[in-house]
Amino acid sequence: MSHLPQRNIVMKRFKVLIFALILFATISLLATLAFAAQNESQMEKYANQADWDSNTSLSEETTKRIRQDYLDYYTKAHTPDATVDDVYIWKYYGTNGDCVAVIMNDRFTGHTLALTSDVVDGVTVHYRDSNKMFIWTDGSFQRLQNAYDMDLISKGNLIDISLIPV
């Protein structure tokens, strides 16, 4: 009989703990939903300002220029005998004015098979491997953060790019 009051105390504490966990989970869910709604409205605001065109393909002339610039910029640094035939555009993300978003590669470079990402001004761009995107313009290549810092791309551009499947 002396164990009954102790058991009641344990049950009361258990009920208080369960109530606290449910309350915490509810508050966390509401905060997450509020943040997601705010973030979505911010993304819509910036996306509506963007002029990123990912529906058209690159011209043959632009493709050749990008491949030659990448050969000169990167590939020849580690493989002096490489030619433009060794370089290719792995993925084309789109164009905005003179800026072209691409992932480049050559037949000499391997990449780690691990999901990676770039986060620029709160926008995350995901990749399937360690090969990350460049913004090419007028013969030079910039990583996303540099392109953003140089005002080559906007936050709206970043959001548009981030929504393109990898």
Protein backbone atom coordinates (compact mmCIF):
# COMPACT_ATOMS: atom_id res chain seq x y z
CA MET A 1 0.00 0.00 0.00
CA SER A 2 2.87 2.41 0.59
CA HIS A 3 3.88 2.22 -3.08
CA LEU A 4 0.56 3.66 -4.33
CA PRO A 5 1.26 7.35 -3.49
CA GLN A 6 4.74 7.04 -5.01
CA ARG A 7 3.26 5.54 -8.16
CA ASN A 8 0.78 8.44 -8.40
CA ILE A 9 3.64 10.94 -8.16
CA VAL A 10 5.53 9.13 -10.95
CA MET A 11 2.39 9.09 -13.12
CA LYS A 12 1.79 12.82 -12.52
CA ARG A 13 5.39 13.61 -13.48
CA PHE A 14 5.07 11.42 -16.55
CA LYS A 15 1.89 13.24 -17.62
CA VAL A 16 3.57 16.64 -17.09
CA LEU A 17 6.55 15.48 -19.16
CA ILE A 18 4.29 14.26 -21.98
CA PHE A 19 2.34 17.54 -21.90
CA ALA A 20 5.60 19.54 -22.05
CA LEU A 21 6.84 17.48 -25.02
CA ILE A 22 3.57 17.95 -26.90
CA LEU A 23 3.61 21.69 -26.15
CA PHE A 24 7.24 21.97 -27.32
CA ALA A 25 6.51 20.03 -30.53
CA THR A 26 3.46 22.21 -31.26
CA ILE A 27 5.38 25.46 -30.73
CA SER A 28 8.27 24.16 -32.87
CA LEU A 29 5.88 23.19 -35.66
CA LEU A 30 4.15 26.58 -35.59
CA ALA A 31 7.49 28.42 -35.65
CA THR A 32 8.69 26.27 -38.57
CA LEU A 33 5.50 26.91 -40.54
CA ALA A 34 5.72 30.66 -39.89
CA PHE A 35 9.37 30.73 -40.98
CA ALA A 36 8.59 28.69 -44.11
CA ALA A 37 5.74 31.03 -45.07
CA GLN A 38 7.96 34.08 -44.59
CA ASN A 39 10.79 32.46 -46.54
CA GLU A 40 8.42 31.49 -49.38
CA SER A 41 7.08 35.04 -49.67
CA GLN A 42 10.67 36.37 -49.75
CA MET A 43 11.58 33.87 -52.48
CA GLU A 44 8.53 34.87 -54.53
CA LYS A 45 9.46 38.53 -54.13
CA TYR A 46 12.99 37.98 -55.41
CA ALA A 47 12.05 35.42 -58.05
CA ASN A 48 9.63 37.89 -59.60
CA GLN A 49 12.55 40.32 -60.02
CA ALA A 50 14.77 37.82 -61.82
CA ASP A 51 15.41 37.60 -65.53
CA TRP A 52 17.09 34.20 -65.52
CA ASP A 53 16.40 32.24 -68.69
CA SER A 54 16.92 28.50 -68.33
CA ASN A 55 14.56 27.53 -71.15
CA THR A 56 16.80 28.34 -74.08
CA SER A 57 19.94 26.54 -75.14
CA LEU A 58 23.35 28.07 -75.70
CA SER A 59 24.38 29.04 -79.19
CA GLU A 60 27.16 27.04 -80.77
CA GLU A 61 29.40 30.13 -80.74
CA THR A 62 28.85 30.76 -77.00
CA THR A 63 29.41 27.09 -76.21
CA LYS A 64 32.74 27.15 -78.08
CA ARG A 65 33.84 30.33 -76.28
CA ILE A 66 32.97 28.91 -72.86
CA ARG A 67 34.80 25.65 -73.59
CA GLN A 68 37.89 27.49 -74.88
CA ASP A 69 37.91 29.85 -71.88
CA TYR A 70 37.62 26.93 -69.47
CA LEU A 71 40.44 25.16 -71.25
CA ASP A 72 42.63 28.27 -70.89
CA TYR A 73 41.39 29.12 -67.38
CA TYR A 74 41.57 25.72 -65.72
CA THR A 75 42.38 22.61 -67.71
CA LYS A 76 45.70 23.73 -69.22
CA ALA A 77 46.96 24.57 -65.72
CA HIS A 78 47.08 20.87 -64.85
CA THR A 79 47.13 19.30 -68.33
CA PRO A 80 49.14 21.48 -70.74
CA ASP A 81 48.48 19.19 -73.74
CA ALA A 82 44.69 19.37 -73.36
CA THR A 83 42.57 20.59 -76.24
CA VAL A 84 39.11 22.09 -76.43
CA ASP A 85 37.79 18.62 -77.35
CA ASP A 86 38.74 17.51 -73.81
CA VAL A 87 36.49 20.15 -72.21
CA TYR A 88 32.70 20.12 -71.99
CA ILE A 89 29.76 21.82 -70.34
CA TRP A 90 28.46 19.29 -67.85
CA LYS A 91 25.26 21.21 -67.11
CA TYR A 92 23.82 24.46 -68.42
CA TYR A 93 21.63 26.30 -65.88
CA GLY A 94 20.66 29.37 -67.86
CA THR A 95 21.59 32.84 -69.04
CA ASN A 96 20.96 36.33 -67.69
CA GLY A 97 22.26 39.05 -69.98
CA ASP A 98 25.95 38.29 -70.53
CA CYS A 99 26.13 35.84 -67.61
CA VAL A 100 25.89 32.10 -68.20
CA ALA A 101 25.53 29.60 -65.34
CA VAL A 102 27.32 26.32 -66.09
CA ILE A 103 29.02 23.37 -64.49
CA MET A 104 32.16 22.58 -66.46
CA ASN A 105 34.31 19.48 -66.67
CA ASP A 106 37.15 17.96 -68.60
CA ARG A 107 38.14 14.37 -69.21
CA PHE A 108 41.10 14.64 -66.80
CA THR A 109 39.33 15.73 -63.63
CA GLY A 110 37.43 13.48 -61.23
CA HIS A 111 34.95 14.66 -58.64
CA THR A 112 33.95 13.28 -55.27
CA LEU A 113 30.54 11.61 -55.33
CA ALA A 114 29.08 13.46 -52.37
CA LEU A 115 26.19 15.87 -52.20
CA THR A 116 27.54 19.41 -51.87
CA SER A 117 26.02 22.87 -51.86
CA ASP A 118 26.71 26.58 -52.05
CA VAL A 119 24.88 28.98 -49.77
CA VAL A 120 24.83 32.59 -50.96
CA ASP A 121 22.77 35.21 -49.12
CA GLY A 122 20.57 32.51 -47.60
CA VAL A 123 19.89 30.71 -50.89
CA THR A 124 21.16 27.13 -51.16
CA VAL A 125 22.17 25.59 -54.48
CA HIS A 126 22.66 21.81 -54.30
CA TYR A 127 25.01 19.66 -56.39
CA ARG A 128 25.27 15.91 -56.95
CA ASP A 129 29.04 15.90 -56.52
CA SER A 130 32.01 18.18 -55.77
CA ASN A 131 31.84 19.85 -59.20
CA LYS A 132 30.25 23.24 -58.57
CA MET A 133 28.75 25.94 -60.74
CA PHE A 134 30.53 28.82 -62.44
CA ILE A 135 29.06 32.04 -63.73
CA TRP A 136 30.82 32.75 -67.04
CA THR A 137 30.87 36.22 -68.48
CA ASP A 138 33.15 37.88 -71.00
CA GLY A 139 35.83 35.21 -70.83
CA SER A 140 36.04 34.79 -67.06
CA PHE A 141 34.59 32.30 -64.58
CA GLN A 142 33.30 33.21 -61.14
CA ARG A 143 31.94 31.00 -58.38
CA LEU A 144 28.43 31.89 -57.17
CA GLN A 145 29.52 33.88 -54.12
CA ASN A 146 32.01 35.94 -56.16
CA ALA A 147 29.48 36.51 -58.95
CA TYR A 148 26.93 37.67 -56.38
CA ASP A 149 29.46 39.93 -54.62
CA MET A 150 30.40 41.44 -58.00
CA ASP A 151 26.69 42.08 -58.79
CA LEU A 152 26.84 39.79 -61.82
CA ILE A 153 23.85 37.87 -60.46
CA SER A 154 21.03 38.89 -58.11
CA LYS A 155 19.31 37.09 -55.27
CA GLY A 156 16.45 36.42 -57.67
CA ASN A 157 18.93 34.77 -60.05
CA LEU A 158 20.22 32.61 -57.20
CA ILE A 159 16.69 31.53 -56.32
CA ASP A 160 15.92 30.70 -59.96
CA ILE A 161 19.13 28.64 -60.20
CA SER A 162 18.41 26.88 -56.90
CA LEU A 163 15.02 25.69 -58.19
CA ILE A 164 16.51 23.93 -61.23
CA PRO A 165 16.85 20.19 -60.45
CA VAL A 166 20.39 18.91 -60.17
